[in-house]
N, C-alpha and C. Protein backbone atom coordinates (compact mmCIF):
# COMPACT_ATOMS: atom_id res chain seq x y z
N UNK A 1 -55.42 -52.01 13.40
CA UNK A 1 -55.86 -50.66 13.58
C UNK A 1 -57.30 -50.49 13.13
N UNK A 2 -58.17 -49.95 13.92
CA UNK A 2 -59.56 -49.73 13.65
C UNK A 2 -59.73 -48.60 12.54
N UNK A 3 -60.86 -48.50 11.90
CA UNK A 3 -61.03 -47.48 10.84
C UNK A 3 -60.97 -46.12 11.62
N UNK A 4 -61.61 -45.98 12.65
CA UNK A 4 -61.58 -44.72 13.30
C UNK A 4 -60.20 -44.26 13.59
N UNK A 5 -59.37 -45.00 14.09
CA UNK A 5 -57.97 -44.69 14.36
C UNK A 5 -57.21 -44.40 13.11
N UNK A 6 -57.50 -45.09 12.13
CA UNK A 6 -56.75 -44.71 10.85
C UNK A 6 -57.29 -43.38 10.35
N UNK A 7 -58.58 -43.14 10.40
CA UNK A 7 -59.00 -41.81 10.03
C UNK A 7 -58.44 -40.69 10.76
N UNK A 8 -58.38 -40.78 12.08
CA UNK A 8 -57.74 -39.85 12.79
C UNK A 8 -56.18 -39.65 12.47
N UNK A 9 -55.61 -40.71 12.08
CA UNK A 9 -54.21 -40.56 11.68
C UNK A 9 -54.14 -39.75 10.31
N UNK A 10 -55.09 -40.05 9.38
CA UNK A 10 -55.13 -39.46 8.11
C UNK A 10 -55.45 -37.95 8.31
N UNK A 11 -56.35 -37.69 9.30
CA UNK A 11 -56.78 -36.33 9.59
C UNK A 11 -55.40 -35.57 9.94
N UNK A 12 -54.63 -36.08 10.86
CA UNK A 12 -53.39 -35.68 11.29
C UNK A 12 -52.40 -35.21 10.19
N UNK A 13 -52.38 -36.33 9.34
CA UNK A 13 -51.37 -36.10 8.17
C UNK A 13 -51.92 -34.99 7.12
N UNK A 14 -53.11 -34.93 6.87
CA UNK A 14 -53.66 -33.76 5.92
C UNK A 14 -53.59 -32.40 6.71
N UNK A 15 -53.65 -32.40 8.00
CA UNK A 15 -53.43 -31.06 8.71
C UNK A 15 -51.96 -30.70 8.57
N UNK A 16 -51.05 -31.70 8.68
CA UNK A 16 -49.54 -31.28 8.47
C UNK A 16 -49.38 -30.81 7.02
N UNK A 17 -49.97 -31.51 6.04
CA UNK A 17 -49.77 -30.97 4.74
C UNK A 17 -50.34 -29.68 4.49
N UNK A 18 -51.62 -29.39 5.00
CA UNK A 18 -52.14 -28.09 4.99
C UNK A 18 -51.16 -27.00 5.58
N UNK A 19 -50.67 -27.36 6.84
CA UNK A 19 -49.68 -26.33 7.28
C UNK A 19 -48.58 -26.03 6.51
N UNK A 20 -48.07 -27.03 5.74
CA UNK A 20 -46.83 -26.84 5.00
C UNK A 20 -47.11 -26.21 3.61
N UNK A 21 -48.42 -26.21 3.15
CA UNK A 21 -48.60 -25.71 1.84
C UNK A 21 -49.65 -24.55 1.68
N UNK A 22 -50.08 -23.99 2.83
CA UNK A 22 -50.92 -22.86 2.84
C UNK A 22 -49.83 -21.69 3.23
N UNK A 23 -49.71 -20.66 2.44
CA UNK A 23 -48.86 -19.62 2.81
C UNK A 23 -48.98 -19.03 4.17
N UNK A 24 -50.12 -18.58 4.53
CA UNK A 24 -50.34 -17.96 5.80
C UNK A 24 -49.95 -18.98 6.97
N UNK A 25 -50.21 -20.19 6.78
CA UNK A 25 -49.84 -21.09 7.87
C UNK A 25 -48.26 -21.25 7.96
N UNK A 26 -47.64 -21.36 6.85
CA UNK A 26 -46.22 -21.54 6.81
C UNK A 26 -45.54 -20.19 7.38
N UNK A 27 -46.16 -19.03 7.08
CA UNK A 27 -45.51 -17.90 7.60
C UNK A 27 -45.74 -17.67 9.13
N UNK A 28 -46.90 -18.14 9.63
CA UNK A 28 -47.24 -17.79 11.00
C UNK A 28 -47.27 -18.92 12.00
N UNK A 29 -47.19 -20.12 11.44
CA UNK A 29 -47.30 -21.33 12.36
C UNK A 29 -46.11 -22.27 12.40
N UNK A 30 -44.83 -21.71 12.22
CA UNK A 30 -43.64 -22.57 12.27
C UNK A 30 -43.45 -23.51 13.42
N UNK A 31 -43.86 -22.93 14.59
CA UNK A 31 -43.65 -23.67 15.82
C UNK A 31 -44.66 -24.88 15.87
N UNK A 32 -45.97 -24.65 15.40
CA UNK A 32 -46.82 -25.77 15.35
C UNK A 32 -46.44 -26.94 14.33
N UNK A 33 -45.98 -26.25 13.27
CA UNK A 33 -45.46 -27.27 12.08
C UNK A 33 -44.42 -28.20 12.74
N UNK A 34 -43.41 -27.50 13.37
CA UNK A 34 -42.15 -28.32 14.05
C UNK A 34 -42.81 -29.33 14.98
N UNK A 35 -43.64 -28.92 15.86
CA UNK A 35 -44.30 -29.80 16.89
C UNK A 35 -44.92 -30.93 16.24
N UNK A 36 -45.74 -30.72 15.25
CA UNK A 36 -46.48 -31.85 14.51
C UNK A 36 -45.55 -32.73 13.79
N UNK A 37 -44.42 -32.16 13.22
CA UNK A 37 -43.48 -33.08 12.47
C UNK A 37 -42.67 -33.89 13.53
N UNK A 38 -42.43 -33.36 14.75
CA UNK A 38 -41.84 -34.17 15.85
C UNK A 38 -42.77 -35.36 16.14
N UNK A 39 -44.01 -35.08 16.38
CA UNK A 39 -44.98 -36.16 16.58
C UNK A 39 -44.98 -37.24 15.41
N UNK A 40 -44.97 -36.69 14.19
CA UNK A 40 -44.95 -37.55 13.08
C UNK A 40 -43.63 -38.43 12.98
N UNK A 41 -42.50 -37.79 13.37
CA UNK A 41 -41.28 -38.49 13.24
C UNK A 41 -41.25 -39.77 14.22
N UNK A 42 -41.98 -39.56 15.33
CA UNK A 42 -42.00 -40.65 16.39
C UNK A 42 -43.20 -41.57 16.27
N UNK A 43 -44.10 -41.35 15.31
CA UNK A 43 -45.30 -42.17 15.26
C UNK A 43 -45.57 -42.36 13.87
N UNK A 44 -44.69 -42.55 12.96
CA UNK A 44 -44.92 -42.50 11.48
C UNK A 44 -45.45 -43.98 11.19
N UNK A 45 -46.15 -44.00 10.03
CA UNK A 45 -46.57 -45.26 9.37
C UNK A 45 -45.51 -45.71 8.49
N UNK A 46 -44.55 -45.09 8.24
CA UNK A 46 -43.44 -45.37 7.31
C UNK A 46 -42.06 -44.90 7.70
N UNK A 47 -40.99 -45.65 7.66
CA UNK A 47 -39.77 -45.27 8.04
C UNK A 47 -39.28 -44.00 7.12
N UNK A 48 -39.55 -44.03 5.97
CA UNK A 48 -39.06 -42.90 5.12
C UNK A 48 -39.71 -41.52 5.65
N UNK A 49 -41.02 -41.63 5.99
CA UNK A 49 -41.65 -40.43 6.44
C UNK A 49 -41.14 -39.99 7.76
N UNK A 50 -40.84 -40.99 8.68
CA UNK A 50 -40.19 -40.60 9.88
C UNK A 50 -38.89 -39.92 9.65
N UNK A 51 -38.09 -40.41 8.93
CA UNK A 51 -36.72 -39.83 8.59
C UNK A 51 -36.85 -38.45 8.01
N UNK A 52 -37.83 -38.36 7.09
CA UNK A 52 -38.07 -37.06 6.38
C UNK A 52 -38.46 -36.02 7.42
N UNK A 53 -39.45 -36.34 8.31
CA UNK A 53 -39.86 -35.38 9.33
C UNK A 53 -38.72 -35.01 10.28
N UNK A 54 -37.86 -35.97 10.62
CA UNK A 54 -36.76 -35.68 11.45
C UNK A 54 -35.65 -34.61 10.75
N UNK A 55 -35.47 -34.88 9.46
CA UNK A 55 -34.70 -34.06 8.68
C UNK A 55 -35.08 -32.60 8.63
N UNK A 56 -36.42 -32.50 8.46
CA UNK A 56 -36.84 -31.11 8.43
C UNK A 56 -36.81 -30.36 9.78
N UNK A 57 -37.15 -31.17 10.79
CA UNK A 57 -37.14 -30.52 12.19
C UNK A 57 -35.64 -30.14 12.44
N UNK A 58 -34.80 -31.02 12.24
CA UNK A 58 -33.35 -30.76 12.53
C UNK A 58 -32.79 -29.61 11.60
N UNK A 59 -33.17 -29.42 10.45
CA UNK A 59 -32.71 -28.38 9.57
C UNK A 59 -33.29 -27.05 10.12
N UNK A 60 -34.53 -26.93 10.50
CA UNK A 60 -35.20 -25.69 10.91
C UNK A 60 -34.52 -25.30 12.27
N UNK A 61 -34.22 -26.33 13.04
CA UNK A 61 -33.68 -25.89 14.46
C UNK A 61 -32.30 -25.42 14.25
N UNK A 62 -31.56 -25.92 13.30
CA UNK A 62 -30.19 -25.45 12.98
C UNK A 62 -30.10 -24.21 12.31
N UNK A 63 -31.12 -24.04 11.36
CA UNK A 63 -30.97 -22.73 10.49
C UNK A 63 -32.01 -21.55 10.79
N UNK A 64 -32.96 -21.87 11.75
CA UNK A 64 -33.79 -20.91 12.07
C UNK A 64 -35.25 -21.24 11.43
N UNK A 65 -36.34 -20.91 12.26
CA UNK A 65 -37.73 -21.26 11.80
C UNK A 65 -38.09 -20.50 10.59
N UNK A 66 -37.57 -19.31 10.44
CA UNK A 66 -37.93 -18.40 9.33
C UNK A 66 -37.56 -18.99 8.05
N UNK A 67 -36.57 -19.89 8.02
CA UNK A 67 -36.09 -20.53 6.83
C UNK A 67 -37.39 -21.32 6.14
N UNK A 68 -38.26 -21.69 6.84
CA UNK A 68 -39.53 -22.48 6.26
C UNK A 68 -40.18 -21.52 5.20
N UNK A 69 -40.49 -20.32 5.76
CA UNK A 69 -41.19 -19.32 4.83
C UNK A 69 -40.31 -18.82 3.76
N UNK A 70 -38.96 -18.81 3.89
CA UNK A 70 -38.21 -18.22 2.85
C UNK A 70 -38.16 -19.40 1.74
N UNK A 71 -38.08 -20.60 2.18
CA UNK A 71 -38.17 -21.69 1.14
C UNK A 71 -39.47 -21.77 0.44
N UNK A 72 -40.57 -21.60 1.21
CA UNK A 72 -41.91 -21.53 0.61
C UNK A 72 -41.97 -20.48 -0.49
N UNK A 73 -41.52 -19.25 -0.25
CA UNK A 73 -41.51 -18.15 -1.16
C UNK A 73 -40.72 -18.49 -2.42
N UNK A 74 -39.49 -18.97 -2.17
CA UNK A 74 -38.53 -19.24 -3.25
C UNK A 74 -39.07 -20.34 -4.29
N UNK A 75 -39.84 -21.25 -3.67
CA UNK A 75 -40.16 -22.49 -4.41
C UNK A 75 -41.49 -22.37 -5.10
N UNK A 76 -42.50 -21.64 -4.26
CA UNK A 76 -43.90 -21.68 -4.87
C UNK A 76 -44.45 -20.16 -5.27
N UNK A 77 -43.66 -19.17 -4.92
CA UNK A 77 -44.25 -17.83 -5.25
C UNK A 77 -43.36 -17.09 -6.14
N UNK A 78 -41.99 -17.09 -6.10
CA UNK A 78 -41.18 -16.47 -7.06
C UNK A 78 -41.32 -17.12 -8.46
N UNK A 79 -41.76 -16.40 -9.45
CA UNK A 79 -42.16 -17.08 -10.69
C UNK A 79 -40.92 -17.42 -11.61
N UNK A 80 -39.83 -17.51 -11.16
CA UNK A 80 -38.64 -17.87 -12.01
C UNK A 80 -37.70 -18.82 -11.14
N UNK A 81 -36.69 -19.31 -11.64
CA UNK A 81 -35.81 -20.24 -11.04
C UNK A 81 -36.42 -21.57 -10.88
N UNK A 82 -36.55 -22.06 -9.73
CA UNK A 82 -37.00 -23.41 -9.44
C UNK A 82 -38.60 -23.42 -9.13
N UNK A 83 -39.28 -22.61 -9.77
CA UNK A 83 -40.68 -22.41 -9.30
C UNK A 83 -41.47 -23.81 -9.53
N UNK A 84 -42.16 -24.07 -8.58
CA UNK A 84 -43.04 -25.19 -8.50
C UNK A 84 -44.51 -24.77 -8.32
N UNK A 85 -45.38 -25.15 -9.38
CA UNK A 85 -46.87 -24.71 -9.15
C UNK A 85 -47.52 -25.57 -8.27
N UNK A 86 -48.50 -24.93 -7.39
CA UNK A 86 -49.24 -25.65 -6.55
C UNK A 86 -50.71 -25.75 -7.02
N UNK A 87 -50.97 -25.47 -8.31
CA UNK A 87 -52.29 -25.48 -8.84
C UNK A 87 -52.44 -26.83 -9.55
N UNK A 88 -53.52 -27.60 -9.08
CA UNK A 88 -53.88 -28.71 -9.76
C UNK A 88 -54.24 -28.61 -11.17
N UNK A 89 -54.91 -27.50 -11.49
CA UNK A 89 -55.34 -27.19 -12.85
C UNK A 89 -54.13 -27.02 -13.81
N UNK A 90 -53.09 -26.49 -13.20
CA UNK A 90 -51.76 -26.18 -14.11
C UNK A 90 -51.27 -27.55 -14.46
N UNK A 91 -51.22 -28.66 -13.64
CA UNK A 91 -50.73 -29.92 -13.86
C UNK A 91 -51.68 -30.48 -14.96
N UNK A 92 -52.89 -30.29 -14.88
CA UNK A 92 -53.94 -30.88 -15.81
C UNK A 92 -53.92 -30.18 -17.20
N UNK A 93 -53.80 -28.92 -17.32
CA UNK A 93 -53.96 -28.23 -18.50
C UNK A 93 -53.07 -27.03 -18.67
N UNK A 94 -51.98 -26.92 -17.88
CA UNK A 94 -51.02 -25.89 -17.89
C UNK A 94 -51.59 -24.49 -17.81
N UNK A 95 -52.57 -24.47 -17.07
CA UNK A 95 -53.21 -23.16 -16.79
C UNK A 95 -53.93 -23.09 -15.45
N UNK A 96 -54.01 -22.11 -14.74
CA UNK A 96 -54.62 -22.04 -13.41
C UNK A 96 -56.23 -21.73 -13.74
N UNK A 97 -56.94 -22.15 -12.63
CA UNK A 97 -58.32 -21.76 -12.75
C UNK A 97 -59.08 -22.73 -13.80
N UNK A 98 -58.62 -23.89 -13.92
CA UNK A 98 -59.35 -24.75 -14.98
C UNK A 98 -60.20 -25.73 -14.35
N UNK A 99 -60.21 -27.03 -14.99
CA UNK A 99 -61.18 -28.02 -14.70
C UNK A 99 -61.01 -28.52 -13.21
N UNK A 100 -59.73 -28.58 -12.74
CA UNK A 100 -59.58 -29.10 -11.39
C UNK A 100 -60.22 -28.17 -10.33
N UNK A 101 -60.20 -26.76 -10.69
CA UNK A 101 -60.83 -25.88 -9.77
C UNK A 101 -62.36 -26.13 -9.71
N UNK A 102 -62.92 -26.44 -10.81
CA UNK A 102 -64.32 -26.70 -10.90
C UNK A 102 -64.68 -27.95 -10.23
N UNK A 103 -63.84 -28.94 -10.22
CA UNK A 103 -64.17 -30.14 -9.57
C UNK A 103 -64.08 -29.97 -8.09
N UNK A 104 -63.02 -29.27 -7.47
CA UNK A 104 -63.02 -29.02 -6.01
C UNK A 104 -64.23 -28.14 -5.58
N UNK A 105 -64.72 -27.14 -6.48
CA UNK A 105 -65.82 -26.44 -6.09
C UNK A 105 -67.10 -27.23 -5.98
N UNK A 106 -67.12 -28.34 -6.96
CA UNK A 106 -68.31 -29.03 -6.97
C UNK A 106 -68.42 -29.89 -5.67
N UNK A 107 -67.36 -30.30 -5.07
CA UNK A 107 -67.29 -30.99 -3.82
C UNK A 107 -67.49 -30.16 -2.63
N UNK A 108 -66.92 -28.89 -2.77
CA UNK A 108 -67.21 -27.81 -1.71
C UNK A 108 -68.66 -27.49 -1.65
N UNK A 109 -69.36 -27.51 -2.71
CA UNK A 109 -70.80 -27.19 -2.75
C UNK A 109 -71.69 -28.09 -2.09
N UNK A 110 -71.14 -29.40 -1.78
CA UNK A 110 -72.02 -30.33 -1.15
C UNK A 110 -71.64 -30.33 0.32
N UNK A 111 -70.92 -29.26 0.86
CA UNK A 111 -70.70 -29.09 2.32
C UNK A 111 -71.33 -27.73 2.66
N UNK A 112 -71.28 -27.53 3.90
CA UNK A 112 -71.75 -26.23 4.63
C UNK A 112 -70.78 -25.19 4.63
N UNK A 113 -69.57 -25.48 4.25
CA UNK A 113 -68.39 -24.39 4.37
C UNK A 113 -68.16 -23.79 2.96
N UNK A 114 -67.64 -22.60 3.10
CA UNK A 114 -67.09 -21.95 1.86
C UNK A 114 -65.75 -21.54 2.09
N UNK A 115 -65.01 -21.28 1.11
CA UNK A 115 -63.58 -20.91 1.31
C UNK A 115 -63.43 -19.55 2.09
N UNK A 116 -62.52 -19.56 3.06
CA UNK A 116 -62.21 -18.39 3.91
C UNK A 116 -61.25 -17.57 3.03
N UNK A 117 -61.77 -16.38 2.34
CA UNK A 117 -60.90 -15.58 1.55
C UNK A 117 -59.63 -15.05 2.36
N UNK A 118 -59.84 -14.88 3.66
CA UNK A 118 -58.77 -14.28 4.48
C UNK A 118 -57.60 -15.15 4.75
N UNK A 119 -57.95 -16.43 4.82
CA UNK A 119 -56.81 -17.49 5.03
C UNK A 119 -56.40 -17.92 3.63
N UNK A 120 -57.23 -18.01 2.66
CA UNK A 120 -56.83 -18.61 1.40
C UNK A 120 -57.06 -17.61 0.16
N UNK A 121 -55.94 -16.98 -0.07
CA UNK A 121 -55.99 -16.02 -1.10
C UNK A 121 -55.98 -16.86 -2.47
N UNK A 122 -55.44 -17.99 -2.49
CA UNK A 122 -55.31 -18.85 -3.73
C UNK A 122 -56.52 -19.45 -4.10
N UNK A 123 -56.70 -19.88 -5.28
CA UNK A 123 -57.87 -20.62 -5.77
C UNK A 123 -58.14 -22.00 -5.13
N UNK A 124 -59.33 -22.57 -5.35
CA UNK A 124 -59.70 -23.73 -4.70
C UNK A 124 -58.87 -25.03 -5.11
N UNK A 125 -58.25 -24.93 -6.26
CA UNK A 125 -57.46 -26.05 -6.84
C UNK A 125 -55.97 -25.91 -6.31
N UNK A 126 -55.64 -24.95 -5.51
CA UNK A 126 -54.31 -24.89 -4.91
C UNK A 126 -54.22 -25.96 -3.82
N UNK A 127 -53.01 -26.75 -3.97
CA UNK A 127 -52.88 -27.89 -3.13
C UNK A 127 -52.99 -27.57 -1.61
N UNK A 128 -52.64 -26.38 -1.25
CA UNK A 128 -52.76 -26.00 0.19
C UNK A 128 -54.27 -26.10 0.62
N UNK A 129 -55.12 -25.62 -0.30
CA UNK A 129 -56.61 -25.54 0.00
C UNK A 129 -57.09 -27.01 -0.03
N UNK A 130 -56.61 -27.79 -1.14
CA UNK A 130 -57.04 -29.20 -1.25
C UNK A 130 -56.67 -29.98 -0.04
N UNK A 131 -55.59 -29.75 0.51
CA UNK A 131 -55.23 -30.63 1.66
C UNK A 131 -55.99 -30.12 3.00
N UNK A 132 -56.22 -28.93 2.93
CA UNK A 132 -57.13 -28.19 4.14
C UNK A 132 -58.35 -28.86 4.08
N UNK A 133 -59.07 -28.82 2.89
CA UNK A 133 -60.36 -29.35 2.66
C UNK A 133 -60.43 -30.90 2.98
N UNK A 134 -59.48 -31.59 2.61
CA UNK A 134 -59.41 -33.03 2.94
C UNK A 134 -59.42 -33.25 4.40
N UNK A 135 -58.53 -32.54 5.04
CA UNK A 135 -58.62 -32.61 6.68
C UNK A 135 -59.98 -32.40 7.17
N UNK A 136 -60.56 -31.41 6.71
CA UNK A 136 -62.06 -30.94 7.10
C UNK A 136 -63.03 -31.85 6.77
N UNK A 137 -62.96 -32.62 5.59
CA UNK A 137 -63.88 -33.62 5.26
C UNK A 137 -63.79 -34.86 6.06
N UNK A 138 -62.48 -35.22 6.32
CA UNK A 138 -62.33 -36.40 7.24
C UNK A 138 -62.84 -36.09 8.53
N UNK A 139 -62.58 -34.93 9.14
CA UNK A 139 -62.97 -34.48 10.45
C UNK A 139 -64.53 -34.60 10.58
N UNK A 140 -65.14 -34.08 9.54
CA UNK A 140 -66.70 -34.11 9.50
C UNK A 140 -67.15 -35.53 9.37
N UNK A 141 -66.46 -36.44 8.62
CA UNK A 141 -66.91 -37.79 8.51
C UNK A 141 -66.73 -38.58 9.90
N UNK A 142 -65.72 -38.33 10.63
CA UNK A 142 -65.42 -38.85 11.91
C UNK A 142 -66.62 -38.45 12.92
N UNK A 143 -67.00 -37.25 12.81
CA UNK A 143 -68.09 -36.63 13.61
C UNK A 143 -69.49 -37.10 13.14
N UNK A 144 -69.61 -37.75 11.84
CA UNK A 144 -70.82 -38.18 11.32
C UNK A 144 -71.65 -36.93 10.98
N UNK A 145 -70.99 -35.87 10.65
CA UNK A 145 -71.61 -34.69 10.18
C UNK A 145 -71.78 -34.80 8.64
N UNK A 146 -70.96 -35.49 7.95
CA UNK A 146 -71.13 -35.75 6.50
C UNK A 146 -71.23 -37.31 6.27
N UNK A 147 -72.25 -37.76 5.55
CA UNK A 147 -72.48 -39.21 5.36
C UNK A 147 -71.84 -39.60 4.03
N UNK A 148 -71.78 -38.77 3.00
CA UNK A 148 -71.00 -39.11 1.86
C UNK A 148 -69.50 -39.18 2.16
N UNK A 149 -68.81 -39.94 1.36
CA UNK A 149 -67.34 -39.94 1.54
C UNK A 149 -66.83 -39.04 0.56
N UNK A 150 -66.84 -37.69 0.93
CA UNK A 150 -66.52 -36.60 0.07
C UNK A 150 -65.00 -36.53 -0.07
N UNK A 151 -64.29 -36.92 0.90
CA UNK A 151 -62.89 -36.79 0.86
C UNK A 151 -62.38 -37.89 -0.12
N UNK A 152 -63.02 -39.04 -0.17
CA UNK A 152 -62.62 -40.02 -1.16
C UNK A 152 -62.88 -39.60 -2.54
N UNK A 153 -64.01 -38.81 -2.68
CA UNK A 153 -64.30 -38.30 -4.03
C UNK A 153 -63.24 -37.14 -4.45
N UNK A 154 -62.88 -36.39 -3.49
CA UNK A 154 -61.87 -35.37 -3.70
C UNK A 154 -60.48 -35.99 -4.10
N UNK A 155 -60.15 -37.03 -3.35
CA UNK A 155 -58.87 -37.71 -3.65
C UNK A 155 -58.86 -38.39 -5.10
N UNK A 156 -59.94 -39.02 -5.35
CA UNK A 156 -60.15 -39.84 -6.60
C UNK A 156 -60.18 -38.82 -7.78
N UNK A 157 -60.92 -37.74 -7.71
CA UNK A 157 -61.04 -36.78 -8.93
C UNK A 157 -60.03 -35.72 -9.08
N UNK A 158 -59.31 -35.43 -7.91
CA UNK A 158 -58.33 -34.22 -8.00
C UNK A 158 -57.03 -34.67 -7.43
N UNK A 159 -56.82 -35.02 -6.30
CA UNK A 159 -55.57 -35.21 -5.53
C UNK A 159 -54.77 -36.28 -6.24
N UNK A 160 -55.41 -37.43 -6.40
CA UNK A 160 -54.77 -38.70 -6.94
C UNK A 160 -54.11 -38.45 -8.28
N UNK A 161 -54.72 -37.61 -9.14
CA UNK A 161 -54.31 -37.32 -10.53
C UNK A 161 -52.89 -36.96 -10.73
N UNK A 162 -52.51 -35.86 -9.87
CA UNK A 162 -51.25 -35.19 -10.00
C UNK A 162 -50.39 -35.12 -8.82
N UNK A 163 -50.73 -35.77 -7.69
CA UNK A 163 -49.83 -35.72 -6.56
C UNK A 163 -48.49 -36.42 -6.77
N UNK A 164 -48.40 -37.26 -7.76
CA UNK A 164 -47.13 -37.83 -8.10
C UNK A 164 -46.14 -36.75 -8.70
N UNK A 165 -46.80 -36.02 -9.53
CA UNK A 165 -46.07 -35.02 -10.33
C UNK A 165 -45.55 -33.91 -9.40
N UNK A 166 -46.33 -33.56 -8.44
CA UNK A 166 -45.94 -32.57 -7.46
C UNK A 166 -44.79 -33.30 -6.46
N UNK A 167 -45.00 -34.41 -6.17
CA UNK A 167 -44.07 -35.20 -5.36
C UNK A 167 -42.68 -35.20 -6.11
N UNK A 168 -42.66 -35.53 -7.32
CA UNK A 168 -41.36 -35.71 -8.01
C UNK A 168 -40.66 -34.30 -8.13
N UNK A 169 -41.45 -33.17 -8.44
CA UNK A 169 -40.96 -31.83 -8.49
C UNK A 169 -40.42 -31.50 -7.13
N UNK A 170 -40.93 -31.76 -6.06
CA UNK A 170 -40.57 -31.45 -4.73
C UNK A 170 -39.15 -32.24 -4.39
N UNK A 171 -39.23 -33.51 -4.56
CA UNK A 171 -37.98 -34.27 -4.14
C UNK A 171 -36.79 -33.90 -5.10
N UNK A 172 -37.14 -33.29 -6.33
CA UNK A 172 -36.09 -32.91 -7.21
C UNK A 172 -35.47 -31.62 -7.01
N UNK A 173 -36.26 -30.83 -6.02
CA UNK A 173 -35.96 -29.37 -5.86
C UNK A 173 -34.67 -29.26 -4.90
N UNK A 174 -34.06 -28.15 -4.92
CA UNK A 174 -32.98 -27.90 -4.12
C UNK A 174 -33.19 -27.55 -2.59
N UNK A 175 -34.59 -27.40 -2.37
CA UNK A 175 -34.98 -27.01 -0.97
C UNK A 175 -34.76 -28.11 0.11
N UNK A 176 -33.99 -27.81 1.11
CA UNK A 176 -33.64 -28.63 2.15
C UNK A 176 -34.90 -29.12 3.01
N UNK A 177 -35.89 -28.26 2.81
CA UNK A 177 -37.14 -28.50 3.59
C UNK A 177 -38.10 -29.32 2.67
N UNK A 178 -38.44 -28.72 1.62
CA UNK A 178 -39.56 -29.17 0.67
C UNK A 178 -39.17 -30.52 -0.03
N UNK A 179 -37.91 -30.79 -0.20
CA UNK A 179 -37.50 -32.00 -0.75
C UNK A 179 -37.98 -33.22 0.07
N UNK A 180 -37.90 -32.96 1.42
CA UNK A 180 -38.36 -33.84 2.42
C UNK A 180 -39.91 -34.02 2.56
N UNK A 181 -40.41 -32.68 2.38
CA UNK A 181 -42.03 -32.69 2.41
C UNK A 181 -42.47 -33.52 1.22
N UNK A 182 -41.74 -33.44 0.15
CA UNK A 182 -42.19 -34.28 -0.94
C UNK A 182 -42.18 -35.79 -0.67
N UNK A 183 -41.31 -36.44 0.10
CA UNK A 183 -41.26 -37.79 0.58
C UNK A 183 -42.49 -37.96 1.37
N UNK A 184 -42.76 -37.15 2.31
CA UNK A 184 -44.11 -37.24 3.11
C UNK A 184 -45.27 -37.27 2.28
N UNK A 185 -45.42 -36.35 1.35
CA UNK A 185 -46.53 -36.26 0.44
C UNK A 185 -46.68 -37.50 -0.45
N UNK A 186 -45.58 -37.94 -0.96
CA UNK A 186 -45.53 -39.22 -1.84
C UNK A 186 -46.06 -40.42 -1.04
N UNK A 187 -45.71 -40.72 0.22
CA UNK A 187 -46.10 -41.72 1.07
C UNK A 187 -47.60 -41.50 1.37
N UNK A 188 -48.06 -40.28 1.76
CA UNK A 188 -49.41 -40.03 2.08
C UNK A 188 -50.31 -40.50 0.90
N UNK A 189 -49.97 -40.10 -0.45
CA UNK A 189 -50.65 -40.46 -1.57
C UNK A 189 -50.80 -41.99 -1.85
N UNK A 190 -49.68 -42.67 -1.44
CA UNK A 190 -49.72 -44.13 -1.74
C UNK A 190 -50.47 -44.65 -0.67
N UNK A 191 -50.42 -44.24 0.70
CA UNK A 191 -51.23 -44.83 1.67
C UNK A 191 -52.75 -44.73 1.33
N UNK A 192 -53.06 -43.40 0.82
CA UNK A 192 -54.46 -43.08 0.53
C UNK A 192 -55.01 -44.00 -0.52
N UNK A 193 -54.12 -44.30 -1.54
CA UNK A 193 -54.70 -45.24 -2.66
C UNK A 193 -54.94 -46.57 -2.10
N UNK A 194 -54.05 -47.10 -1.13
CA UNK A 194 -54.21 -48.44 -0.59
C UNK A 194 -55.51 -48.37 0.24
N UNK A 195 -55.63 -47.40 1.06
CA UNK A 195 -56.67 -47.29 2.14
C UNK A 195 -58.12 -47.13 1.41
N UNK A 196 -58.09 -46.21 0.45
CA UNK A 196 -59.41 -45.89 -0.27
C UNK A 196 -59.67 -46.90 -1.35
N UNK A 197 -58.78 -47.81 -1.72
CA UNK A 197 -58.87 -48.67 -2.82
C UNK A 197 -59.05 -47.91 -4.12
N UNK A 198 -58.22 -46.99 -4.40
CA UNK A 198 -58.21 -46.13 -5.62
C UNK A 198 -56.80 -46.42 -6.28
N UNK A 199 -56.83 -46.88 -7.61
CA UNK A 199 -55.49 -47.11 -8.24
C UNK A 199 -54.77 -45.91 -8.60
N UNK A 200 -53.52 -46.05 -8.75
CA UNK A 200 -52.66 -44.90 -9.22
C UNK A 200 -53.18 -44.45 -10.53
N UNK A 201 -53.35 -43.06 -10.59
CA UNK A 201 -53.85 -42.44 -11.85
C UNK A 201 -52.92 -42.67 -13.10
N UNK A 202 -53.52 -42.98 -14.24
CA UNK A 202 -52.70 -43.04 -15.46
C UNK A 202 -53.14 -41.93 -16.37
N UNK A 203 -54.09 -41.25 -15.96
CA UNK A 203 -54.69 -40.06 -16.67
C UNK A 203 -54.93 -40.46 -18.09
């Protein structure tokens, strides 16, 4: 597979992660998410990812598309019970708005875009924003709008550090949806490490 084809596949994967981790997208784009997961289930780079995507689609079709947002709220917003933080800074220093937020802002400053406050109420180190920014950076590199490999820098300095911790929290959760999303995330992180030649973080 040529580099361009791989980068287009990576763009698709990050777009799916963006849709699954940004609250507004989860709330309003369930049909798009299901459509993309069906594509992923039939064209996956990994059998575990294919199975996970199929399980999510089956569950949502059986239980209603609104279950996606219900699970999102229960897992990522309600601050008790099974709460899972989506702040990279929280994993780094047990508080939000820390060093990881500054690292994302540094990369963002090298681009022409700024955070859309209407779509992204959460800070820059929120994984939903990180995955969205990753998709944007890959897309801009494909179009030759960005010469630097800023997405690689973002993955190396932020995403790679704690994606495994998020992965383990998700697969260990009781969510019938996000436990499978965790499988997809874990495989994407491992693929990125291999493709970008970045070792697994030992912090």
